[in-house]
Amino acid sequence: MSAIPITQAQMEAALRAVLTSPGLAHPRYAVAVPVVMEPDGAELLIEVRAAGISQAGDPCFPGGSIEPGEAPAEAAARELEEELGIHVEPEQFLGQLPTVQTPLGSRTNIYVCLLPPETCAALRVNSAEVSELMRVPVRFFLNRPEVASYHVGGNTIWGMTAGAIRYFCDAWNRACCPSAADSL
């Protein structure tokens, strides 16, 4: 490949266009951590991404890109409804876990919501985005607080989703046992 002569001004203009284009300049995402409060213990709803979309086969929480003009909590609520058919108003989120930032600069806002068991009876899983829905007891994760990934059935939960689960477990422990969490 031969070098094409380019001026500094042309390079500045070309790089500016690339670095400020939507999706490249620090992409922002939002996810919802749906927690189902069953009588015998809380469960996390974790979806496995459908074939034909980015990161197909990866377990994750419902979520996606924040659209222009949309607040992160609005995006998380929209994605939860689009992917699982669960309607939650942004103000129904209990709060936000720490934002996850990748080395490449993308940021993910993570919101938690508690759902009654009857919500799962009315799920409308979007098969274009979700190939499988897992219901994993919170205690499964609480028993493995320091792992980098979680093996559930034939799936490996890793990366941002595993990090979100660790943040959630920390919040859960602080909520359930505040005096023990304070001594950490």
N, C-alpha and C. Protein backbone atom coordinates (compact mmCIF):
# COMPACT_ATOMS: atom_id res chain seq x y z
N MET A 1 0.84 -1.17 0.00
CA MET A 1 0.00 0.00 0.00
C MET A 1 0.89 1.23 0.00
N SER A 2 0.69 2.10 -0.94
CA SER A 2 1.51 3.30 -1.03
C SER A 2 0.85 4.43 -0.24
N ALA A 3 1.69 5.27 0.33
CA ALA A 3 1.20 6.40 1.11
C ALA A 3 0.64 7.47 0.18
N ILE A 4 -0.51 8.00 0.53
CA ILE A 4 -1.11 9.08 -0.24
C ILE A 4 -0.73 10.38 0.47
N PRO A 5 -0.13 11.32 -0.27
CA PRO A 5 0.23 12.58 0.38
C PRO A 5 -1.02 13.28 0.92
N ILE A 6 -0.94 13.73 2.17
CA ILE A 6 -2.07 14.41 2.80
C ILE A 6 -1.52 15.56 3.64
N THR A 7 -2.19 16.65 3.61
CA THR A 7 -1.73 17.80 4.40
C THR A 7 -2.20 17.64 5.84
N GLN A 8 -1.59 18.40 6.71
CA GLN A 8 -2.01 18.37 8.11
C GLN A 8 -3.47 18.80 8.24
N ALA A 9 -3.87 19.82 7.51
CA ALA A 9 -5.25 20.30 7.57
C ALA A 9 -6.23 19.24 7.11
N GLN A 10 -5.87 18.49 6.05
CA GLN A 10 -6.74 17.42 5.57
C GLN A 10 -6.83 16.30 6.62
N MET A 11 -5.68 15.98 7.25
CA MET A 11 -5.68 14.93 8.28
C MET A 11 -6.50 15.36 9.49
N GLU A 12 -6.35 16.62 9.89
CA GLU A 12 -7.14 17.13 11.02
C GLU A 12 -8.63 17.02 10.73
N ALA A 13 -9.04 17.43 9.54
CA ALA A 13 -10.46 17.39 9.16
C ALA A 13 -10.96 15.94 9.13
N ALA A 14 -10.16 15.04 8.56
CA ALA A 14 -10.57 13.64 8.46
C ALA A 14 -10.67 12.99 9.85
N LEU A 15 -9.67 13.24 10.70
CA LEU A 15 -9.71 12.67 12.05
C LEU A 15 -10.84 13.26 12.87
N ARG A 16 -11.07 14.56 12.74
CA ARG A 16 -12.15 15.21 13.48
C ARG A 16 -13.50 14.57 13.11
N ALA A 17 -13.71 14.31 11.83
CA ALA A 17 -14.97 13.69 11.38
C ALA A 17 -15.13 12.28 11.97
N VAL A 18 -14.05 11.51 11.99
CA VAL A 18 -14.11 10.15 12.52
C VAL A 18 -14.29 10.16 14.03
N LEU A 19 -13.51 10.98 14.72
CA LEU A 19 -13.51 10.96 16.19
C LEU A 19 -14.76 11.58 16.81
N THR A 20 -15.52 12.34 16.06
CA THR A 20 -16.74 12.94 16.61
C THR A 20 -17.99 12.31 16.04
N SER A 21 -17.85 11.25 15.24
CA SER A 21 -19.03 10.61 14.67
C SER A 21 -19.76 9.84 15.76
N PRO A 22 -21.09 9.76 15.65
CA PRO A 22 -21.86 9.01 16.65
C PRO A 22 -21.38 7.56 16.69
N GLY A 23 -21.28 7.01 17.88
CA GLY A 23 -20.88 5.62 18.04
C GLY A 23 -19.41 5.42 18.26
N LEU A 24 -18.58 6.37 17.82
CA LEU A 24 -17.14 6.21 18.03
C LEU A 24 -16.67 7.08 19.18
N ALA A 25 -17.22 8.27 19.29
CA ALA A 25 -16.79 9.19 20.32
C ALA A 25 -17.45 8.80 21.65
N HIS A 26 -16.78 7.92 22.38
CA HIS A 26 -17.24 7.47 23.68
C HIS A 26 -18.69 7.02 23.67
N PRO A 27 -18.97 5.87 23.07
CA PRO A 27 -20.35 5.38 23.04
C PRO A 27 -20.91 5.24 24.46
N ARG A 28 -22.19 5.51 24.60
CA ARG A 28 -22.85 5.41 25.90
C ARG A 28 -23.97 4.39 25.81
N TYR A 29 -24.03 3.54 26.82
CA TYR A 29 -25.03 2.49 26.89
C TYR A 29 -25.73 2.54 28.24
N ALA A 30 -26.87 1.89 28.32
CA ALA A 30 -27.59 1.76 29.59
C ALA A 30 -28.18 0.36 29.66
N VAL A 31 -28.11 -0.23 30.84
CA VAL A 31 -28.70 -1.55 31.05
C VAL A 31 -29.55 -1.54 32.31
N ALA A 32 -30.48 -2.48 32.35
CA ALA A 32 -31.32 -2.69 33.53
C ALA A 32 -30.95 -4.03 34.13
N VAL A 33 -30.84 -4.07 35.44
CA VAL A 33 -30.61 -5.31 36.18
C VAL A 33 -31.96 -5.68 36.80
N PRO A 34 -32.73 -6.56 36.13
CA PRO A 34 -34.03 -6.94 36.68
C PRO A 34 -33.86 -8.03 37.74
N VAL A 35 -34.40 -7.76 38.93
CA VAL A 35 -34.33 -8.69 40.05
C VAL A 35 -35.76 -9.12 40.37
N VAL A 36 -36.01 -10.42 40.25
CA VAL A 36 -37.34 -10.95 40.54
C VAL A 36 -37.35 -11.43 41.98
N MET A 37 -38.30 -10.90 42.75
CA MET A 37 -38.40 -11.24 44.16
C MET A 37 -39.34 -12.44 44.34
N GLU A 38 -38.78 -13.63 44.27
CA GLU A 38 -39.52 -14.87 44.46
C GLU A 38 -39.63 -15.16 45.96
N PRO A 39 -40.65 -15.91 46.38
CA PRO A 39 -40.79 -16.24 47.80
C PRO A 39 -39.59 -16.98 48.39
N ASP A 40 -38.93 -17.79 47.58
CA ASP A 40 -37.78 -18.56 48.10
C ASP A 40 -36.43 -17.90 47.81
N GLY A 41 -36.44 -16.66 47.32
CA GLY A 41 -35.19 -15.94 47.09
C GLY A 41 -35.21 -15.15 45.80
N ALA A 42 -34.42 -14.11 45.77
CA ALA A 42 -34.35 -13.23 44.61
C ALA A 42 -33.57 -13.89 43.47
N GLU A 43 -33.95 -13.56 42.24
CA GLU A 43 -33.29 -14.06 41.04
C GLU A 43 -32.96 -12.91 40.10
N LEU A 44 -31.84 -13.02 39.40
CA LEU A 44 -31.50 -12.06 38.35
C LEU A 44 -32.00 -12.61 37.01
N LEU A 45 -32.60 -11.75 36.21
CA LEU A 45 -32.97 -12.12 34.84
C LEU A 45 -31.80 -11.75 33.94
N ILE A 46 -31.22 -12.75 33.31
CA ILE A 46 -30.08 -12.53 32.42
C ILE A 46 -30.43 -13.14 31.08
N GLU A 47 -30.26 -12.35 30.04
CA GLU A 47 -30.59 -12.85 28.71
C GLU A 47 -29.33 -13.28 27.97
N VAL A 48 -29.51 -14.18 27.02
CA VAL A 48 -28.44 -14.58 26.12
C VAL A 48 -28.77 -13.95 24.77
N ARG A 49 -27.79 -13.22 24.22
CA ARG A 49 -28.02 -12.47 22.99
C ARG A 49 -28.26 -13.40 21.80
N ALA A 50 -29.20 -13.03 20.96
CA ALA A 50 -29.60 -13.84 19.81
C ALA A 50 -28.53 -13.84 18.73
N ALA A 51 -28.58 -14.86 17.88
CA ALA A 51 -27.69 -14.94 16.72
C ALA A 51 -28.00 -13.77 15.79
N GLY A 52 -26.98 -13.28 15.11
CA GLY A 52 -27.18 -12.23 14.13
C GLY A 52 -27.06 -10.82 14.68
N ILE A 53 -26.83 -10.67 16.00
CA ILE A 53 -26.60 -9.34 16.55
C ILE A 53 -25.22 -9.33 17.20
N SER A 54 -24.72 -8.14 17.50
CA SER A 54 -23.37 -8.05 18.07
C SER A 54 -23.30 -8.84 19.37
N GLN A 55 -22.19 -9.47 19.59
CA GLN A 55 -21.92 -10.30 20.77
C GLN A 55 -22.96 -11.42 20.93
N ALA A 56 -23.35 -12.00 19.81
CA ALA A 56 -24.32 -13.10 19.83
C ALA A 56 -23.83 -14.21 20.76
N GLY A 57 -24.77 -14.76 21.53
CA GLY A 57 -24.46 -15.85 22.45
C GLY A 57 -23.95 -15.41 23.81
N ASP A 58 -23.68 -14.12 23.97
CA ASP A 58 -23.19 -13.63 25.26
C ASP A 58 -24.34 -13.39 26.23
N PRO A 59 -24.20 -13.83 27.47
CA PRO A 59 -25.19 -13.48 28.49
C PRO A 59 -25.02 -12.01 28.87
N CYS A 60 -26.12 -11.32 29.09
CA CYS A 60 -26.07 -9.90 29.46
C CYS A 60 -27.39 -9.49 30.09
N PHE A 61 -27.42 -8.27 30.57
CA PHE A 61 -28.66 -7.68 31.05
C PHE A 61 -29.31 -6.94 29.89
N PRO A 62 -30.63 -6.74 29.94
CA PRO A 62 -31.28 -5.96 28.88
C PRO A 62 -30.66 -4.56 28.81
N GLY A 63 -30.34 -4.13 27.62
CA GLY A 63 -29.76 -2.80 27.48
C GLY A 63 -29.29 -2.54 26.07
N GLY A 64 -28.77 -1.34 25.89
CA GLY A 64 -28.27 -0.96 24.58
C GLY A 64 -27.86 0.49 24.56
N SER A 65 -27.73 1.03 23.37
CA SER A 65 -27.27 2.41 23.18
C SER A 65 -28.28 3.42 23.70
N ILE A 66 -27.74 4.50 24.22
CA ILE A 66 -28.56 5.63 24.62
C ILE A 66 -28.79 6.47 23.38
N GLU A 67 -30.05 6.70 23.05
CA GLU A 67 -30.39 7.46 21.85
C GLU A 67 -30.23 8.96 22.10
N PRO A 68 -29.99 9.74 21.03
CA PRO A 68 -29.87 11.19 21.20
C PRO A 68 -31.08 11.78 21.92
N GLY A 69 -30.82 12.61 22.92
CA GLY A 69 -31.88 13.26 23.68
C GLY A 69 -32.49 12.40 24.77
N GLU A 70 -32.01 11.19 24.91
CA GLU A 70 -32.56 10.25 25.89
C GLU A 70 -31.67 10.22 27.13
N ALA A 71 -32.27 10.23 28.31
CA ALA A 71 -31.51 10.08 29.55
C ALA A 71 -31.13 8.61 29.71
N PRO A 72 -30.03 8.32 30.38
CA PRO A 72 -29.62 6.91 30.56
C PRO A 72 -30.70 6.02 31.17
N ALA A 73 -31.40 6.50 32.19
CA ALA A 73 -32.45 5.67 32.81
C ALA A 73 -33.60 5.43 31.84
N GLU A 74 -33.89 6.40 30.99
CA GLU A 74 -34.93 6.22 29.97
C GLU A 74 -34.50 5.13 28.98
N ALA A 75 -33.23 5.13 28.61
CA ALA A 75 -32.72 4.11 27.68
C ALA A 75 -32.81 2.73 28.31
N ALA A 76 -32.44 2.60 29.58
CA ALA A 76 -32.50 1.30 30.26
C ALA A 76 -33.95 0.80 30.32
N ALA A 77 -34.89 1.69 30.63
CA ALA A 77 -36.30 1.31 30.68
C ALA A 77 -36.81 0.90 29.29
N ARG A 78 -36.42 1.67 28.27
CA ARG A 78 -36.84 1.35 26.90
C ARG A 78 -36.32 -0.01 26.47
N GLU A 79 -35.04 -0.26 26.73
CA GLU A 79 -34.43 -1.53 26.33
C GLU A 79 -35.06 -2.71 27.08
N LEU A 80 -35.38 -2.53 28.35
CA LEU A 80 -36.03 -3.59 29.13
C LEU A 80 -37.37 -3.96 28.50
N GLU A 81 -38.10 -2.95 28.06
CA GLU A 81 -39.39 -3.21 27.43
C GLU A 81 -39.21 -3.82 26.03
N GLU A 82 -38.26 -3.31 25.25
CA GLU A 82 -38.04 -3.83 23.90
C GLU A 82 -37.58 -5.29 23.92
N GLU A 83 -36.74 -5.64 24.86
CA GLU A 83 -36.14 -6.98 24.87
C GLU A 83 -36.95 -8.02 25.63
N LEU A 84 -37.59 -7.61 26.74
CA LEU A 84 -38.31 -8.58 27.57
C LEU A 84 -39.79 -8.27 27.75
N GLY A 85 -40.25 -7.14 27.22
CA GLY A 85 -41.65 -6.79 27.36
C GLY A 85 -42.02 -6.34 28.76
N ILE A 86 -41.04 -5.93 29.56
CA ILE A 86 -41.29 -5.47 30.92
C ILE A 86 -41.30 -3.95 30.92
N HIS A 87 -42.43 -3.38 31.31
CA HIS A 87 -42.54 -1.93 31.35
C HIS A 87 -42.18 -1.43 32.75
N VAL A 88 -41.18 -0.57 32.82
CA VAL A 88 -40.75 0.08 34.05
C VAL A 88 -40.54 1.54 33.72
N GLU A 89 -41.09 2.42 34.53
CA GLU A 89 -40.82 3.84 34.37
C GLU A 89 -39.43 4.12 34.93
N PRO A 90 -38.69 5.04 34.35
CA PRO A 90 -37.34 5.34 34.86
C PRO A 90 -37.30 5.63 36.36
N GLU A 91 -38.33 6.28 36.88
CA GLU A 91 -38.32 6.59 38.31
C GLU A 91 -38.56 5.36 39.18
N GLN A 92 -38.92 4.23 38.57
CA GLN A 92 -39.10 2.99 39.33
C GLN A 92 -37.77 2.27 39.58
N PHE A 93 -36.71 2.67 38.89
CA PHE A 93 -35.41 2.09 39.20
C PHE A 93 -35.05 2.47 40.61
N LEU A 94 -34.50 1.53 41.36
CA LEU A 94 -34.13 1.79 42.75
C LEU A 94 -32.91 2.68 42.85
N GLY A 95 -32.11 2.66 41.83
CA GLY A 95 -30.89 3.45 41.81
C GLY A 95 -29.95 2.91 40.76
N GLN A 96 -28.75 3.44 40.79
CA GLN A 96 -27.76 3.14 39.76
C GLN A 96 -26.52 2.55 40.41
N LEU A 97 -26.01 1.49 39.80
CA LEU A 97 -24.72 0.92 40.20
C LEU A 97 -23.62 1.78 39.59
N PRO A 98 -22.37 1.60 40.01
CA PRO A 98 -21.29 2.38 39.40
C PRO A 98 -21.27 2.21 37.88
N THR A 99 -21.01 3.30 37.19
CA THR A 99 -20.90 3.27 35.73
C THR A 99 -19.65 2.51 35.34
N VAL A 100 -19.78 1.64 34.33
CA VAL A 100 -18.65 0.86 33.85
C VAL A 100 -18.07 1.57 32.63
N GLN A 101 -16.77 1.78 32.64
CA GLN A 101 -16.10 2.39 31.48
C GLN A 101 -15.05 1.42 30.99
N THR A 102 -15.05 1.18 29.68
CA THR A 102 -14.06 0.28 29.09
C THR A 102 -12.78 1.05 28.78
N PRO A 103 -11.68 0.33 28.56
CA PRO A 103 -10.43 1.01 28.20
C PRO A 103 -10.56 1.83 26.91
N LEU A 104 -11.52 1.49 26.06
CA LEU A 104 -11.71 2.23 24.81
C LEU A 104 -12.64 3.43 24.97
N GLY A 105 -13.18 3.62 26.17
CA GLY A 105 -13.95 4.83 26.44
C GLY A 105 -15.45 4.69 26.46
N SER A 106 -16.01 3.54 26.11
CA SER A 106 -17.47 3.42 26.19
C SER A 106 -17.88 3.38 27.65
N ARG A 107 -19.07 3.92 27.93
CA ARG A 107 -19.57 3.96 29.30
C ARG A 107 -20.94 3.31 29.34
N THR A 108 -21.18 2.54 30.40
CA THR A 108 -22.47 1.89 30.58
C THR A 108 -23.04 2.26 31.93
N ASN A 109 -24.24 2.85 31.90
CA ASN A 109 -24.97 3.16 33.12
C ASN A 109 -25.82 1.93 33.46
N ILE A 110 -25.82 1.55 34.74
CA ILE A 110 -26.48 0.30 35.17
C ILE A 110 -27.52 0.63 36.23
N TYR A 111 -28.78 0.27 35.95
CA TYR A 111 -29.90 0.56 36.85
C TYR A 111 -30.52 -0.73 37.36
N VAL A 112 -30.98 -0.70 38.61
CA VAL A 112 -31.55 -1.88 39.26
C VAL A 112 -33.05 -1.68 39.48
N CYS A 113 -33.82 -2.73 39.17
CA CYS A 113 -35.25 -2.69 39.48
C CYS A 113 -35.68 -4.03 40.08
N LEU A 114 -36.56 -3.96 41.07
CA LEU A 114 -37.15 -5.15 41.67
C LEU A 114 -38.49 -5.41 41.02
N LEU A 115 -38.73 -6.67 40.68
CA LEU A 115 -39.96 -7.04 39.99
C LEU A 115 -40.69 -8.12 40.78
N PRO A 116 -42.02 -8.03 40.84
CA PRO A 116 -42.77 -9.10 41.50
C PRO A 116 -42.77 -10.36 40.62
N PRO A 117 -42.94 -11.54 41.20
CA PRO A 117 -42.90 -12.79 40.42
C PRO A 117 -43.89 -12.81 39.26
N GLU A 118 -45.05 -12.18 39.42
CA GLU A 118 -46.05 -12.22 38.35
C GLU A 118 -45.57 -11.51 37.09
N THR A 119 -44.56 -10.66 37.20
CA THR A 119 -44.00 -9.99 36.02
C THR A 119 -43.46 -11.03 35.04
N CYS A 120 -42.85 -12.08 35.56
CA CYS A 120 -42.26 -13.10 34.69
C CYS A 120 -43.31 -13.88 33.91
N ALA A 121 -44.51 -13.98 34.46
CA ALA A 121 -45.58 -14.68 33.75
C ALA A 121 -46.00 -13.91 32.49
N ALA A 122 -45.76 -12.60 32.48
CA ALA A 122 -46.18 -11.76 31.36
C ALA A 122 -45.02 -11.37 30.44
N LEU A 123 -43.87 -12.02 30.56
CA LEU A 123 -42.73 -11.67 29.72
C LEU A 123 -43.04 -11.88 28.25
N ARG A 124 -42.54 -10.95 27.42
CA ARG A 124 -42.63 -11.07 25.97
C ARG A 124 -41.21 -10.94 25.42
N VAL A 125 -40.50 -12.06 25.39
CA VAL A 125 -39.10 -12.05 24.98
C VAL A 125 -39.01 -11.77 23.48
N ASN A 126 -38.20 -10.80 23.11
CA ASN A 126 -37.98 -10.42 21.71
C ASN A 126 -36.93 -11.38 21.13
N SER A 127 -37.37 -12.35 20.34
CA SER A 127 -36.46 -13.39 19.83
C SER A 127 -35.43 -12.84 18.84
N ALA A 128 -35.64 -11.64 18.30
CA ALA A 128 -34.65 -11.03 17.42
C ALA A 128 -33.42 -10.58 18.21
N GLU A 129 -33.60 -10.36 19.52
CA GLU A 129 -32.50 -9.89 20.36
C GLU A 129 -32.09 -10.88 21.44
N VAL A 130 -33.00 -11.78 21.82
CA VAL A 130 -32.76 -12.68 22.95
C VAL A 130 -33.00 -14.12 22.52
N SER A 131 -31.98 -14.98 22.69
CA SER A 131 -32.17 -16.39 22.34
C SER A 131 -32.58 -17.23 23.53
N GLU A 132 -32.27 -16.76 24.73
CA GLU A 132 -32.56 -17.53 25.95
C GLU A 132 -32.65 -16.55 27.10
N LEU A 133 -33.49 -16.88 28.07
CA LEU A 133 -33.59 -16.07 29.28
C LEU A 133 -33.27 -16.96 30.47
N MET A 134 -32.29 -16.54 31.24
CA MET A 134 -31.89 -17.31 32.43
C MET A 134 -32.41 -16.59 33.67
N ARG A 135 -32.86 -17.38 34.63
CA ARG A 135 -33.23 -16.86 35.95
C ARG A 135 -32.25 -17.49 36.93
N VAL A 136 -31.33 -16.67 37.42
CA VAL A 136 -30.25 -17.18 38.25
C VAL A 136 -30.42 -16.64 39.67
N PRO A 137 -30.48 -17.53 40.67
CA PRO A 137 -30.62 -17.05 42.05
C PRO A 137 -29.49 -16.11 42.44
N VAL A 138 -29.83 -15.02 43.12
CA VAL A 138 -28.83 -14.06 43.58
C VAL A 138 -27.80 -14.77 44.45
N ARG A 139 -28.23 -15.74 45.27
CA ARG A 139 -27.30 -16.45 46.16
C ARG A 139 -26.18 -17.16 45.37
N PHE A 140 -26.45 -17.56 44.11
CA PHE A 140 -25.41 -18.17 43.28
C PHE A 140 -24.23 -17.21 43.14
N PHE A 141 -24.53 -15.94 42.89
CA PHE A 141 -23.48 -14.94 42.71
C PHE A 141 -22.87 -14.52 44.05
N LEU A 142 -23.69 -14.44 45.08
CA LEU A 142 -23.18 -14.05 46.40
C LEU A 142 -22.16 -15.06 46.92
N ASN A 143 -22.29 -16.31 46.51
CA ASN A 143 -21.35 -17.35 46.93
C ASN A 143 -20.04 -17.32 46.14
N ARG A 144 -19.93 -16.46 45.13
CA ARG A 144 -18.74 -16.35 44.28
C ARG A 144 -18.38 -14.88 44.09
N PRO A 145 -18.08 -14.15 45.18
CA PRO A 145 -17.94 -12.70 45.07
C PRO A 145 -16.72 -12.19 44.31
N GLU A 146 -15.67 -12.95 44.20
CA GLU A 146 -14.43 -12.41 43.65
C GLU A 146 -14.00 -13.04 42.33
N VAL A 147 -14.90 -13.68 41.62
CA VAL A 147 -14.52 -14.31 40.36
C VAL A 147 -14.60 -13.32 39.20
N ALA A 148 -13.84 -13.59 38.15
CA ALA A 148 -13.84 -12.72 36.97
C ALA A 148 -14.98 -13.06 36.02
N SER A 149 -15.44 -14.32 36.07
CA SER A 149 -16.55 -14.74 35.22
C SER A 149 -17.37 -15.79 35.99
N TYR A 150 -18.59 -15.96 35.54
CA TYR A 150 -19.51 -16.90 36.18
C TYR A 150 -19.95 -17.92 35.13
N HIS A 151 -19.93 -19.19 35.50
CA HIS A 151 -20.37 -20.25 34.60
C HIS A 151 -21.75 -20.72 35.06
N VAL A 152 -22.75 -20.47 34.22
CA VAL A 152 -24.13 -20.81 34.55
C VAL A 152 -24.65 -21.69 33.42
N GLY A 153 -24.93 -22.95 33.76
CA GLY A 153 -25.35 -23.87 32.72
C GLY A 153 -24.24 -23.96 31.68
N GLY A 154 -24.56 -23.80 30.43
CA GLY A 154 -23.55 -23.81 29.37
C GLY A 154 -23.07 -22.44 28.99
N ASN A 155 -23.37 -21.43 29.79
CA ASN A 155 -23.01 -20.04 29.46
C ASN A 155 -21.94 -19.51 30.39
N THR A 156 -21.12 -18.60 29.86
CA THR A 156 -20.12 -17.90 30.67
C THR A 156 -20.48 -16.41 30.68
N ILE A 157 -20.73 -15.90 31.88
CA ILE A 157 -21.01 -14.48 32.06
C ILE A 157 -19.68 -13.82 32.37
N TRP A 158 -19.28 -12.86 31.55
CA TRP A 158 -17.96 -12.25 31.69
C TRP A 158 -18.05 -10.75 31.40
N GLY A 159 -16.92 -10.09 31.42
CA GLY A 159 -16.81 -8.70 31.00
C GLY A 159 -17.68 -7.76 31.81
N MET A 160 -18.32 -6.82 31.11
CA MET A 160 -19.12 -5.80 31.74
C MET A 160 -20.25 -6.40 32.57
N THR A 161 -20.88 -7.46 32.06
CA THR A 161 -22.00 -8.07 32.79
C THR A 161 -21.51 -8.68 34.10
N ALA A 162 -20.38 -9.36 34.09
CA ALA A 162 -19.84 -9.92 35.34
C ALA A 162 -19.48 -8.79 36.30
N GLY A 163 -18.94 -7.70 35.79
CA GLY A 163 -18.63 -6.55 36.64
C GLY A 163 -19.87 -5.96 37.26
N ALA A 164 -20.94 -5.85 36.47
CA ALA A 164 -22.21 -5.33 36.99
C ALA A 164 -22.75 -6.24 38.08
N ILE A 165 -22.60 -7.54 37.90
CA ILE A 165 -23.07 -8.49 38.92
C ILE A 165 -22.27 -8.32 40.20
N ARG A 166 -20.96 -8.11 40.10
CA ARG A 166 -20.15 -7.89 41.31
C ARG A 166 -20.58 -6.61 42.02
N TYR A 167 -20.83 -5.54 41.26
CA TYR A 167 -21.34 -4.30 41.86
C TYR A 167 -22.68 -4.55 42.55
N PHE A 168 -23.55 -5.31 41.86
CA PHE A 168 -24.87 -5.60 42.43
C PHE A 168 -24.72 -6.40 43.73
N CYS A 169 -23.85 -7.40 43.74
CA CYS A 169 -23.66 -8.22 44.94
C CYS A 169 -23.16 -7.36 46.11
N ASP A 170 -22.29 -6.41 45.82
CA ASP A 170 -21.82 -5.51 46.86
C ASP A 170 -22.99 -4.69 47.41
N ALA A 171 -23.83 -4.16 46.53
CA ALA A 171 -24.99 -3.38 46.97
C ALA A 171 -25.96 -4.26 47.76
N TRP A 172 -26.17 -5.48 47.30
CA TRP A 172 -27.08 -6.42 47.98
C TRP A 172 -26.57 -6.70 49.40
N ASN A 173 -25.28 -6.98 49.50
CA ASN A 173 -24.71 -7.26 50.82
C ASN A 173 -24.84 -6.05 51.74
N ARG A 174 -24.61 -4.86 51.22
CA ARG A 174 -24.73 -3.65 52.04
C ARG A 174 -26.18 -3.43 52.47
N ALA A 175 -27.13 -3.77 51.60
CA ALA A 175 -28.55 -3.60 51.93
C ALA A 175 -29.01 -4.64 52.95
N CYS A 176 -28.52 -5.87 52.80
CA CYS A 176 -28.96 -6.97 53.69
C CYS A 176 -28.21 -7.00 55.01
N CYS A 177 -26.97 -6.60 55.02
CA CYS A 177 -26.13 -6.69 56.21
C CYS A 177 -25.31 -5.42 56.37
N PRO A 178 -25.94 -4.27 56.65
CA PRO A 178 -25.20 -3.01 56.67
C PRO A 178 -24.03 -2.99 57.66
N SER A 179 -24.16 -3.62 58.81
CA SER A 179 -23.06 -3.56 59.78
C SER A 179 -21.87 -4.37 59.29
N ALA A 180 -22.11 -5.49 58.62
CA ALA A 180 -21.01 -6.30 58.08
C ALA A 180 -20.33 -5.57 56.93
N ALA A 181 -21.11 -4.89 56.09
CA ALA A 181 -20.54 -4.16 54.95
C ALA A 181 -19.70 -2.98 55.42
N ASP A 182 -20.10 -2.35 56.53
CA ASP A 182 -19.34 -1.21 57.05
C ASP A 182 -17.97 -1.61 57.54
N SER A 183 -17.84 -2.87 57.93
CA SER A 183 -16.54 -3.30 58.46
C SER A 183 -15.58 -3.72 57.36
N LEU A 184 -16.04 -3.75 56.11
CA LEU A 184 -15.16 -4.15 54.99
C LEU A 184 -14.14 -3.10 54.68
